[in-house]
């Protein structure tokens, strides 16, 4: 069962309300996505912690329902 890009975006925004989220389906199969997440909440955090915030927002779906997510985080204003 695949996840839709809109569902991924909603989950991230629910956990990081100021986030600007851009999702791209890399393979057209609903399993391999690239996401760019921009948020002021990332300010002062190491990149690994920024990524953990996004993975936490996805509630354990990484590696299961969501097979692969190429993640880029950006510190917003």
PDB file of N, CA and C in Angstrom:
ATOM      1  N   UNK A   1       0.849  -1.182   0.000  1.00  0.00           N
ATOM      2  CA  UNK A   1       0.000   0.000   0.000  1.00  0.00           C
ATOM      3  C   UNK A   1       0.891   1.241   0.000  1.00  0.00           C
ATOM      4  N   UNK A   2       0.671   2.118  -0.943  1.00  0.00           N
ATOM      5  CA  UNK A   2       1.492   3.320  -1.102  1.00  0.00           C
ATOM      6  C   UNK A   2       0.866   4.505  -0.368  1.00  0.00           C
ATOM      7  N   UNK A   3       1.674   5.505  -0.124  1.00  0.00           N
ATOM      8  CA  UNK A   3       1.202   6.759   0.459  1.00  0.00           C
ATOM      9  C   UNK A   3       1.106   7.799  -0.644  1.00  0.00           C
ATOM     10  N   UNK A   4       0.123   8.667  -0.539  1.00  0.00           N
ATOM     11  CA  UNK A   4       0.002   9.759  -1.495  1.00  0.00           C
ATOM     12  C   UNK A   4       0.813  10.954  -1.013  1.00  0.00           C
ATOM     13  N   UNK A   5       1.314  11.739  -1.969  1.00  0.00           N
ATOM     14  CA  UNK A   5       2.113  12.917  -1.651  1.00  0.00           C
ATOM     15  C   UNK A   5       1.343  13.870  -0.733  1.00  0.00           C
ATOM     16  N   UNK A   6       0.052  14.045  -0.982  1.00  0.00           N
ATOM     17  CA  UNK A   6      -0.756  14.945  -0.160  1.00  0.00           C
ATOM     18  C   UNK A   6      -0.829  14.506   1.285  1.00  0.00           C
ATOM     19  N   UNK A   7      -0.862  13.188   1.517  1.00  0.00           N
ATOM     20  CA  UNK A   7      -0.892  12.670   2.881  1.00  0.00           C
ATOM     21  C   UNK A   7       0.427  12.950   3.596  1.00  0.00           C
ATOM     22  N   UNK A   8       1.539  12.771   2.885  1.00  0.00           N
ATOM     23  CA  UNK A   8       2.855  13.061   3.468  1.00  0.00           C
ATOM     24  C   UNK A   8       2.918  14.535   3.849  1.00  0.00           C
ATOM     25  N   UNK A   9       2.495  15.403   2.941  1.00  0.00           N
ATOM     26  CA  UNK A   9       2.520  16.846   3.204  1.00  0.00           C
ATOM     27  C   UNK A   9       1.655  17.199   4.408  1.00  0.00           C
ATOM     28  N   UNK A  10       0.453  16.651   4.492  1.00  0.00           N
ATOM     29  CA  UNK A  10      -0.441  16.940   5.628  1.00  0.00           C
ATOM     30  C   UNK A  10       0.171  16.514   6.952  1.00  0.00           C
ATOM     31  N   UNK A  11       0.800  15.345   6.972  1.00  0.00           N
ATOM     32  CA  UNK A  11       1.404  14.843   8.217  1.00  0.00           C
ATOM     33  C   UNK A  11       2.553  15.734   8.665  1.00  0.00           C
ATOM     34  N   UNK A  12       3.383  16.169   7.719  1.00  0.00           N
ATOM     35  CA  UNK A  12       4.513  17.040   8.075  1.00  0.00           C
ATOM     36  C   UNK A  12       3.999  18.376   8.592  1.00  0.00           C
ATOM     37  N   UNK A  13       3.005  18.948   7.909  1.00  0.00           N
ATOM     38  CA  UNK A  13       2.473  20.253   8.328  1.00  0.00           C
ATOM     39  C   UNK A  13       1.735  20.170   9.653  1.00  0.00           C
ATOM     40  N   UNK A  14       1.162  19.025   9.976  1.00  0.00           N
ATOM     41  CA  UNK A  14       0.487  18.860  11.265  1.00  0.00           C
ATOM     42  C   UNK A  14       1.502  18.916  12.406  1.00  0.00           C
ATOM     43  N   UNK A  15       2.694  18.374  12.164  1.00  0.00           N
ATOM     44  CA  UNK A  15       3.731  18.347  13.200  1.00  0.00           C
ATOM     45  C   UNK A  15       4.603  19.596  13.197  1.00  0.00           C
ATOM     46  N   UNK A  16       4.763  20.207  12.026  1.00  0.00           N
ATOM     47  CA  UNK A  16       5.608  21.406  11.878  1.00  0.00           C
ATOM     48  C   UNK A  16       4.752  22.440  11.142  1.00  0.00           C
ATOM     49  N   UNK A  17       3.892  23.156  11.893  1.00  0.00           N
ATOM     50  CA  UNK A  17       2.865  23.996  11.251  1.00  0.00           C
ATOM     51  C   UNK A  17       3.368  25.059  10.277  1.00  0.00           C
ATOM     52  N   UNK A  18       4.574  25.588  10.486  1.00  0.00           N
ATOM     53  CA  UNK A  18       5.048  26.648   9.582  1.00  0.00           C
ATOM     54  C   UNK A  18       5.779  26.084   8.362  1.00  0.00           C
ATOM     55  N   UNK A  19       5.828  24.770   8.239  1.00  0.00           N
ATOM     56  CA  UNK A  19       6.621  24.148   7.177  1.00  0.00           C
ATOM     57  C   UNK A  19       6.054  24.427   5.785  1.00  0.00           C
ATOM     58  N   UNK A  20       6.963  24.720   4.868  1.00  0.00           N
ATOM     59  CA  UNK A  20       6.649  24.722   3.439  1.00  0.00           C
ATOM     60  C   UNK A  20       7.155  23.383   2.936  1.00  0.00           C
ATOM     61  N   UNK A  21       6.282  22.602   2.320  1.00  0.00           N
ATOM     62  CA  UNK A  21       6.618  21.236   1.934  1.00  0.00           C
ATOM     63  C   UNK A  21       6.444  21.067   0.429  1.00  0.00           C
ATOM     64  N   UNK A  22       7.481  20.542  -0.210  1.00  0.00           N
ATOM     65  CA  UNK A  22       7.416  20.221  -1.640  1.00  0.00           C
ATOM     66  C   UNK A  22       7.725  18.735  -1.782  1.00  0.00           C
ATOM     67  N   UNK A  23       6.791  17.990  -2.365  1.00  0.00           N
ATOM     68  CA  UNK A  23       6.944  16.543  -2.521  1.00  0.00           C
ATOM     69  C   UNK A  23       6.998  16.204  -4.014  1.00  0.00           C
ATOM     70  N   UNK A  24       7.940  15.346  -4.390  1.00  0.00           N
ATOM     71  CA  UNK A  24       8.013  14.843  -5.758  1.00  0.00           C
ATOM     72  C   UNK A  24       8.002  13.317  -5.727  1.00  0.00           C
ATOM     73  N   UNK A  25       7.178  12.708  -6.559  1.00  0.00           N
ATOM     74  CA  UNK A  25       7.150  11.254  -6.694  1.00  0.00           C
ATOM     75  C   UNK A  25       8.256  10.877  -7.676  1.00  0.00           C
ATOM     76  N   UNK A  26       9.286  10.229  -7.189  1.00  0.00           N
ATOM     77  CA  UNK A  26      10.478   9.968  -8.002  1.00  0.00           C
ATOM     78  C   UNK A  26      10.289   8.854  -9.019  1.00  0.00           C
ATOM     79  N   UNK A  27       9.487   7.841  -8.689  1.00  0.00           N
ATOM     80  CA  UNK A  27       9.375   6.673  -9.565  1.00  0.00           C
ATOM     81  C   UNK A  27       7.971   6.490 -10.128  1.00  0.00           C
ATOM     82  N   UNK A  28       7.031   7.320  -9.697  1.00  0.00           N
ATOM     83  CA  UNK A  28       5.664   7.180 -10.169  1.00  0.00           C
ATOM     84  C   UNK A  28       4.930   6.008  -9.544  1.00  0.00           C
ATOM     85  N   UNK A  29       5.506   5.443  -8.476  1.00  0.00           N
ATOM     86  CA  UNK A  29       4.916   4.252  -7.864  1.00  0.00           C
ATOM     87  C   UNK A  29       4.306   4.515  -6.486  1.00  0.00           C
ATOM     88  N   UNK A  30       4.372   5.778  -6.020  1.00  0.00           N
ATOM     89  CA  UNK A  30       3.823   6.095  -4.711  1.00  0.00           C
ATOM     90  C   UNK A  30       4.652   5.561  -3.561  1.00  0.00           C
ATOM     91  N   UNK A  31       5.838   5.073  -3.839  1.00  0.00           N
ATOM     92  CA  UNK A  31       6.709   4.515  -2.797  1.00  0.00           C
ATOM     93  C   UNK A  31       8.022   5.269  -2.639  1.00  0.00           C
ATOM     94  N   UNK A  32       8.426   6.009  -3.663  1.00  0.00           N
ATOM     95  CA  UNK A  32       9.724   6.675  -3.663  1.00  0.00           C
ATOM     96  C   UNK A  32       9.524   8.170  -3.899  1.00  0.00           C
ATOM     97  N   UNK A  33       9.717   8.943  -2.854  1.00  0.00           N
ATOM     98  CA  UNK A  33       9.478  10.381  -2.919  1.00  0.00           C
ATOM     99  C   UNK A  33      10.740  11.163  -2.574  1.00  0.00           C
ATOM    100  N   UNK A  34      10.766  12.390  -3.041  1.00  0.00           N
ATOM    101  CA  UNK A  34      11.751  13.367  -2.587  1.00  0.00           C
ATOM    102  C   UNK A  34      10.950  14.488  -1.945  1.00  0.00           C
ATOM    103  N   UNK A  35      11.403  14.958  -0.799  1.00  0.00           N
ATOM    104  CA  UNK A  35      10.705  16.034  -0.101  1.00  0.00           C
ATOM    105  C   UNK A  35      11.693  17.115   0.290  1.00  0.00           C
ATOM    106  N   UNK A  36      11.276  18.358   0.096  1.00  0.00           N
ATOM    107  CA  UNK A  36      12.013  19.504   0.614  1.00  0.00           C
ATOM    108  C   UNK A  36      11.109  20.167   1.629  1.00  0.00           C
ATOM    109  N   UNK A  37      11.607  20.282   2.851  1.00  0.00           N
ATOM    110  CA  UNK A  37      10.829  20.865   3.943  1.00  0.00           C
ATOM    111  C   UNK A  37      11.579  22.082   4.462  1.00  0.00           C
ATOM    112  N   UNK A  38      10.913  23.232   4.426  1.00  0.00           N
ATOM    113  CA  UNK A  38      11.502  24.484   4.898  1.00  0.00           C
ATOM    114  C   UNK A  38      10.730  24.940   6.128  1.00  0.00           C
ATOM    115  N   UNK A  39      11.450  25.209   7.219  1.00  0.00           N
ATOM    116  CA  UNK A  39      10.786  25.633   8.453  1.00  0.00           C
ATOM    117  C   UNK A  39      11.742  26.421   9.333  1.00  0.00           C
ATOM    118  N   UNK A  40      11.211  27.454   9.983  1.00  0.00           N
ATOM    119  CA  UNK A  40      11.991  28.211  10.965  1.00  0.00           C
ATOM    120  C   UNK A  40      12.291  27.344  12.191  1.00  0.00           C
ATOM    121  N   UNK A  41      11.501  26.294  12.394  1.00  0.00           N
ATOM    122  CA  UNK A  41      11.707  25.394  13.538  1.00  0.00           C
ATOM    123  C   UNK A  41      13.051  24.673  13.464  1.00  0.00           C
ATOM    124  N   UNK A  42      13.667  24.638  12.284  1.00  0.00           N
ATOM    125  CA  UNK A  42      14.956  23.968  12.108  1.00  0.00           C
ATOM    126  C   UNK A  42      16.132  24.831  12.547  1.00  0.00           C
ATOM    127  N   UNK A  43      15.886  26.106  12.804  1.00  0.00           N
ATOM    128  CA  UNK A  43      16.967  27.045  13.128  1.00  0.00           C
ATOM    129  C   UNK A  43      17.775  26.560  14.331  1.00  0.00           C
ATOM    130  N   UNK A  44      19.092  26.519  14.168  1.00  0.00           N
ATOM    131  CA  UNK A  44      19.993  26.137  15.247  1.00  0.00           C
ATOM    132  C   UNK A  44      20.109  24.641  15.479  1.00  0.00           C
ATOM    133  N   UNK A  45      19.375  23.842  14.705  1.00  0.00           N
ATOM    134  CA  UNK A  45      19.432  22.392  14.876  1.00  0.00           C
ATOM    135  C   UNK A  45      20.354  21.767  13.835  1.00  0.00           C
ATOM    136  N   UNK A  46      21.096  20.731  14.228  1.00  0.00           N
ATOM    137  CA  UNK A  46      21.901  20.029  13.231  1.00  0.00           C
ATOM    138  C   UNK A  46      20.975  19.335  12.221  1.00  0.00           C
ATOM    139  N   UNK A  47      21.479  19.120  11.040  1.00  0.00           N
ATOM    140  CA  UNK A  47      20.655  18.534   9.973  1.00  0.00           C
ATOM    141  C   UNK A  47      20.038  17.201  10.395  1.00  0.00           C
ATOM    142  N   UNK A  48      20.783  16.380  11.130  1.00  0.00           N
ATOM    143  CA  UNK A  48      20.241  15.082  11.540  1.00  0.00           C
ATOM    144  C   UNK A  48      18.995  15.271  12.414  1.00  0.00           C
ATOM    145  N   UNK A  49      19.002  16.272  13.279  1.00  0.00           N
ATOM    146  CA  UNK A  49      17.831  16.525  14.123  1.00  0.00           C
ATOM    147  C   UNK A  49      16.672  17.067  13.284  1.00  0.00           C
ATOM    148  N   UNK A  50      16.979  17.892  12.278  1.00  0.00           N
ATOM    149  CA  UNK A  50      15.948  18.395  11.376  1.00  0.00           C
ATOM    150  C   UNK A  50      15.247  17.222  10.684  1.00  0.00           C
ATOM    151  N   UNK A  51      16.045  16.272  10.209  1.00  0.00           N
ATOM    152  CA  UNK A  51      15.482  15.104   9.529  1.00  0.00           C
ATOM    153  C   UNK A  51      14.669  14.259  10.499  1.00  0.00           C
ATOM    154  N   UNK A  52      15.150  14.122  11.738  1.00  0.00           N
ATOM    155  CA  UNK A  52      14.394  13.361  12.742  1.00  0.00           C
ATOM    156  C   UNK A  52      13.025  13.984  12.986  1.00  0.00           C
ATOM    157  N   UNK A  53      12.953  15.304  12.993  1.00  0.00           N
ATOM    158  CA  UNK A  53      11.659  15.973  13.181  1.00  0.00           C
ATOM    159  C   UNK A  53      10.683  15.588  12.076  1.00  0.00           C
ATOM    160  N   UNK A  54      11.178  15.534  10.846  1.00  0.00           N
ATOM    161  CA  UNK A  54      10.311  15.179   9.721  1.00  0.00           C
ATOM    162  C   UNK A  54       9.920  13.701   9.807  1.00  0.00           C
ATOM    163  N   UNK A  55      10.879  12.835  10.093  1.00  0.00           N
ATOM    164  CA  UNK A  55      10.566  11.402  10.212  1.00  0.00           C
ATOM    165  C   UNK A  55       9.582  11.164  11.350  1.00  0.00           C
ATOM    166  N   UNK A  56       9.749  11.875  12.469  1.00  0.00           N
ATOM    167  CA  UNK A  56       8.811  11.753  13.589  1.00  0.00           C
ATOM    168  C   UNK A  56       7.405  12.154  13.157  1.00  0.00           C
ATOM    169  N   UNK A  57       7.316  13.190  12.324  1.00  0.00           N
ATOM    170  CA  UNK A  57       6.020  13.668  11.838  1.00  0.00           C
ATOM    171  C   UNK A  57       5.316  12.593  11.015  1.00  0.00           C
ATOM    172  N   UNK A  58       6.095  11.708  10.398  1.00  0.00           N
ATOM    173  CA  UNK A  58       5.513  10.657   9.560  1.00  0.00           C
ATOM    174  C   UNK A  58       5.100   9.428  10.366  1.00  0.00           C
ATOM    175  N   UNK A  59       5.253   9.506  11.676  1.00  0.00           N
ATOM    176  CA  UNK A  59       4.699   8.497  12.565  1.00  0.00           C
ATOM    177  C   UNK A  59       5.114   7.066  12.300  1.00  0.00           C
ATOM    178  N   UNK A  60       6.380   6.845  12.012  1.00  0.00           N
ATOM    179  CA  UNK A  60       6.854   5.476  11.854  1.00  0.00           C
ATOM    180  C   UNK A  60       6.531   4.834  10.513  1.00  0.00           C
ATOM    181  N   UNK A  61       6.073   5.618   9.550  1.00  0.00           N
ATOM    182  CA  UNK A  61       5.732   5.034   8.246  1.00  0.00           C
ATOM    183  C   UNK A  61       6.949   4.837   7.343  1.00  0.00           C
ATOM    184  N   UNK A  62       8.077   5.471   7.686  1.00  0.00           N
ATOM    185  CA  UNK A  62       9.286   5.290   6.888  1.00  0.00           C
ATOM    186  C   UNK A  62       9.710   3.821   6.923  1.00  0.00           C
ATOM    187  N   UNK A  63      10.036   3.289   5.759  1.00  0.00           N
ATOM    188  CA  UNK A  63      10.487   1.911   5.673  1.00  0.00           C
ATOM    189  C   UNK A  63       9.338   0.920   5.618  1.00  0.00           C
ATOM    190  N   UNK A  64       8.130   1.394   5.885  1.00  0.00           N
ATOM    191  CA  UNK A  64       6.958   0.527   5.819  1.00  0.00           C
ATOM    192  C   UNK A  64       6.089   0.964   4.660  1.00  0.00           C
ATOM    193  N   UNK A  65       5.005   1.685   4.991  1.00  0.00           N
ATOM    194  CA  UNK A  65       4.088   2.201   3.969  1.00  0.00           C
ATOM    195  C   UNK A  65       4.826   3.131   3.015  1.00  0.00           C
ATOM    196  N   UNK A  66       5.723   3.933   3.582  1.00  0.00           N
ATOM    197  CA  UNK A  66       6.532   4.854   2.773  1.00  0.00           C
ATOM    198  C   UNK A  66       7.920   4.238   2.642  1.00  0.00           C
ATOM    199  N   UNK A  67       8.215   3.714   1.459  1.00  0.00           N
ATOM    200  CA  UNK A  67       9.437   2.930   1.277  1.00  0.00           C
ATOM    201  C   UNK A  67      10.693   3.797   1.293  1.00  0.00           C
ATOM    202  N   UNK A  68      10.668   4.911   0.570  1.00  0.00           N
ATOM    203  CA  UNK A  68      11.881   5.718   0.455  1.00  0.00           C
ATOM    204  C   UNK A  68      11.520   7.200   0.355  1.00  0.00           C
ATOM    205  N   UNK A  69      12.227   8.009   1.123  1.00  0.00           N
ATOM    206  CA  UNK A  69      12.032   9.454   1.091  1.00  0.00           C
ATOM    207  C   UNK A  69      13.398  10.118   1.064  1.00  0.00           C
ATOM    208  N   UNK A  70      13.717  10.761  -0.069  1.00  0.00           N
ATOM    209  CA  UNK A  70      14.949  11.547  -0.168  1.00  0.00           C
ATOM    210  C   UNK A  70      14.618  12.911   0.426  1.00  0.00           C
ATOM    211  N   UNK A  71      15.168  13.205   1.575  1.00  0.00           N
ATOM    212  CA  UNK A  71      14.758  14.372   2.349  1.00  0.00           C
ATOM    213  C   UNK A  71      15.804  15.483   2.308  1.00  0.00           C
ATOM    214  N   UNK A  72      15.325  16.709   2.044  1.00  0.00           N
ATOM    215  CA  UNK A  72      16.146  17.908   2.143  1.00  0.00           C
ATOM    216  C   UNK A  72      15.439  18.834   3.120  1.00  0.00           C
ATOM    217  N   UNK A  73      16.156  19.340   4.108  1.00  0.00           N
ATOM    218  CA  UNK A  73      15.579  20.323   5.029  1.00  0.00           C
ATOM    219  C   UNK A  73      16.285  21.652   4.854  1.00  0.00           C
ATOM    220  N   UNK A  74      15.509  22.724   4.981  1.00  0.00           N
ATOM    221  CA  UNK A  74      16.017  24.086   4.811  1.00  0.00           C
ATOM    222  C   UNK A  74      15.511  24.918   5.981  1.00  0.00           C
ATOM    223  N   UNK A  75      16.403  25.724   6.562  1.00  0.00           N
ATOM    224  CA  UNK A  75      15.997  26.625   7.643  1.00  0.00           C
ATOM    225  C   UNK A  75      15.268  27.807   7.034  1.00  0.00           C
ATOM    226  N   UNK A  76      14.023  28.002   7.449  1.00  0.00           N
ATOM    227  CA  UNK A  76      13.223  29.110   6.932  1.00  0.00           C
ATOM    228  C   UNK A  76      13.392  30.347   7.765  1.00  0.00           C
ATOM    229  N   UNK A  77      12.773  31.407   7.306  1.00  0.00           N
ATOM    230  CA  UNK A  77      12.825  32.698   8.002  1.00  0.00           C
ATOM    231  C   UNK A  77      11.808  32.735   9.123  1.00  0.00           C
TER     232      UNK A  77
END
